[in-house]
Protein backbone atom coordinates (compact mmCIF):
# COMPACT_ATOMS: atom_id res chain seq x y z
CA MET A 1 60.29 90.23 51.20
CA ALA A 2 60.38 88.70 54.68
CA PRO A 3 57.14 87.66 56.35
CA PRO A 4 55.87 89.97 59.08
CA PRO A 5 56.93 89.13 62.62
CA PRO A 6 54.50 86.92 64.53
CA ALA A 7 51.97 88.66 66.71
CA ARG A 8 52.82 88.97 70.40
CA GLY A 9 51.98 85.75 72.11
CA ALA A 10 51.91 83.87 68.80
CA PRO A 11 52.14 80.13 69.34
CA ALA A 12 55.58 78.59 68.94
CA ALA A 13 54.39 76.68 65.87
CA ASP A 14 53.57 79.99 64.15
CA ARG A 15 57.04 81.34 64.98
CA ARG A 16 58.59 78.19 63.54
CA ARG A 17 56.61 78.49 60.31
CA GLN A 18 57.51 82.14 59.91
CA HIS A 19 61.18 81.95 60.89
CA SER A 20 62.57 78.49 60.51
CA ARG A 21 64.32 77.31 57.40
CA SER A 22 64.89 73.72 56.50
CA PRO A 23 68.44 72.90 57.47
CA ARG A 24 70.57 71.73 54.55
CA ALA A 25 72.14 68.96 56.60
CA PRO A 26 70.80 66.63 59.27
CA TYR A 27 71.12 68.65 62.45
CA SER A 28 69.93 67.79 65.93
CA LEU A 29 69.60 69.79 69.14
CA ARG A 30 70.53 68.63 72.60
CA PRO A 31 71.16 70.29 75.96
CA LEU A 32 74.51 71.99 76.48
CA ARG A 33 76.69 69.94 78.84
CA PRO A 34 79.82 70.83 80.84
CA ASP A 35 81.87 68.49 78.64
CA ASP A 36 81.01 70.71 75.64
CA LEU A 37 83.58 73.30 76.73
CA GLU A 38 86.06 72.42 73.98
CA ASN A 39 83.33 72.25 71.33
CA ILE A 40 81.68 75.59 72.10
CA SER A 41 85.07 77.26 72.45
CA ARG A 42 86.00 76.08 68.95
CA VAL A 43 82.66 77.24 67.49
CA HIS A 44 83.01 80.64 69.18
CA TRP A 45 86.63 81.06 68.10
CA ARG A 46 85.91 80.17 64.46
CA ALA A 47 82.78 82.32 64.27
CA CYS A 48 84.34 85.39 65.90
CA ARG A 49 87.34 85.38 63.59
CA ILE A 50 84.84 86.28 60.85
CA ALA A 51 81.98 88.06 62.64
CA TYR A 52 84.25 90.38 64.63
CA ARG A 53 86.75 91.36 61.92
CA PHE A 54 85.49 94.93 62.26
CA MET A 55 87.18 95.20 65.67
CA GLY A 56 90.32 93.18 64.99
CA TRP A 57 89.21 90.28 67.21
CA SER A 58 92.28 88.10 67.79
CA TYR A 59 91.83 85.98 70.91
CA SER A 60 93.43 82.53 70.79
CA LEU A 61 91.42 79.33 71.11
CA ASP A 62 93.04 78.76 74.50
CA GLU A 63 91.97 82.24 75.70
CA VAL A 64 88.40 81.54 74.56
CA ARG A 65 88.41 78.15 76.31
CA ARG A 66 89.60 79.69 79.59
CA TRP A 67 86.95 82.41 79.35
CA TYR A 68 84.17 79.86 78.76
CA ALA A 69 85.39 77.65 81.61
CA ASP A 70 84.21 80.39 83.99
CA LYS A 71 81.34 81.65 81.83
CA MET A 72 79.58 78.27 81.63
CA LYS A 73 79.03 78.35 85.41
CA GLU A 74 76.74 81.39 85.00
CA TRP A 75 74.29 79.76 82.57
CA ASP A 76 71.14 77.94 83.62
CA TRP A 77 70.11 76.86 80.11
CA GLY A 78 71.80 76.02 76.85
CA GLN A 79 71.47 73.99 73.68
CA VAL A 80 73.92 72.78 71.09
CA ALA A 81 73.22 71.99 67.45
CA CYS A 82 75.05 68.95 66.14
CA ALA A 83 75.85 67.68 62.67
CA GLY A 84 76.22 64.01 63.48
CA GLU A 85 78.26 64.03 66.68
CA ALA A 86 80.00 67.36 65.97
CA VAL A 87 78.81 70.49 67.81
CA VAL A 88 78.41 73.18 65.14
CA ALA A 89 76.37 75.85 66.98
CA PHE A 90 75.21 76.73 70.47
CA ILE A 91 73.09 79.06 72.53
CA ALA A 92 73.34 79.77 76.27
CA ALA A 93 71.28 81.86 78.66
CA THR A 94 70.83 82.89 82.24
CA GLY A 95 67.13 83.22 82.90
CA PRO A 96 65.69 85.34 80.10
CA HIS A 97 69.08 86.84 79.14
CA LEU A 98 70.51 85.32 75.98
CA ASP A 99 74.23 85.37 76.69
CA GLN A 100 75.77 83.52 73.74
CA LEU A 101 74.66 82.39 70.27
CA PHE A 102 77.27 81.27 67.76
CA VAL A 103 77.24 79.14 64.60
CA ASP A 104 80.38 77.67 63.07
CA PRO A 105 81.12 79.42 59.75
CA ASP A 106 80.90 76.13 57.83
CA HIS A 107 77.28 75.77 58.99
CA GLN A 108 76.03 79.34 58.77
CA ARG A 109 73.06 80.22 56.55
CA ALA A 110 71.50 76.81 57.28
CA GLY A 111 68.88 78.08 59.74
CA LEU A 112 70.71 77.01 62.89
CA GLY A 113 70.68 80.47 64.47
CA SER A 114 66.91 80.61 64.01
CA LEU A 115 66.47 77.07 65.28
CA LEU A 116 68.42 77.83 68.46
CA LEU A 117 66.69 81.17 68.98
CA ILE A 118 63.28 79.49 68.65
CA ALA A 119 64.32 77.01 71.35
CA MET A 120 65.21 79.96 73.59
CA LEU A 121 61.92 81.75 72.93
CA GLU A 122 59.91 78.59 73.60
CA ARG A 123 61.07 78.85 77.21
CA ARG A 124 58.52 81.69 77.42
CA LEU A 125 60.66 83.82 79.75
CA ARG A 126 60.18 87.53 79.13
CA PRO A 127 61.51 90.01 78.52
CA VAL A 128 64.34 88.36 76.61
CA THR A 129 67.47 90.50 76.55
CA LEU A 130 70.81 90.22 74.79
CA CYS A 131 73.86 92.27 73.84
CA VAL A 132 75.29 92.51 70.34
CA PHE A 133 78.00 94.60 68.73
CA GLU A 134 76.59 97.36 66.56
CA ASP A 135 78.67 96.30 63.55
CA ASN A 136 77.57 92.65 63.77
CA ARG A 137 74.85 93.20 61.18
CA PRO A 138 74.03 89.52 60.46
CA ALA A 139 73.33 88.87 64.16
CA ARG A 140 71.28 92.04 64.47
CA ALA A 141 69.22 91.05 61.42
CA LEU A 142 68.48 87.66 62.98
CA TYR A 143 67.35 89.20 66.27
CA GLU A 144 65.26 91.86 64.54
CA LYS A 145 63.59 89.19 62.39
CA PHE A 146 62.28 87.69 65.63
CA GLY A 147 61.01 91.04 66.92
CA PHE A 148 63.90 92.13 69.13
CA ARG A 149 64.37 95.88 69.30
CA GLN A 150 67.29 98.00 70.42
CA ALA A 151 66.93 99.12 74.03
CA ASP A 152 70.30 100.79 74.74
CA GLU A 153 73.77 101.46 73.36
CA TRP A 154 77.22 102.00 74.87
CA TRP A 155 80.91 101.87 74.11
CA ASP A 156 82.49 98.50 74.96
CA ALA A 157 85.90 99.68 76.17
CA GLN A 158 87.35 96.17 76.41
CA GLU A 159 86.60 95.37 72.76
CA ASN A 160 86.84 98.99 71.61
CA ALA A 161 83.54 98.79 69.73
CA PRO A 162 79.99 100.14 70.01
CA ALA A 163 77.58 97.66 71.62
CA LEU A 164 73.80 97.46 71.80
CA SER A 165 71.31 95.80 74.08
CA TYR A 166 68.22 94.28 72.50
CA ARG A 167 64.94 93.34 74.13
CA LEU A 168 61.90 91.24 73.25
CA ASP A 169 58.84 91.65 75.47
């Protein structure tokens, strides 16, 4: 049974105790940099090939890289998780909107998603919003574990899949 979510306004240390897991490998966090384009594109491409099977996701690594080249300009905050020097996960946001959170499949289930999400929440910007595909159950479970709740739903015509917005006040 999972521990109850922390009370609103719970100190960051309480959130860490309730949600963080000890990583199985030595990971470190650092700020996302413009020269991480190739790294985050690779992480995204590898993760989506598994996470988005339900919608037949088939973009090439080059297409992802081109998309992120423009997307990175929108973000005002981001972190990467590294195993040694290798970027294995990342999170990016604009203000309180969490835009991207991906973990390389070889490093999933090691607590990196929680670690990155905690870093985002420690910014103390509220309400935090994000979008997630309805069928991406592992991502939804992570967000819900931290107290995010569904705020809206719509049909994503570009990806031909139902999408949800989540919010944390």
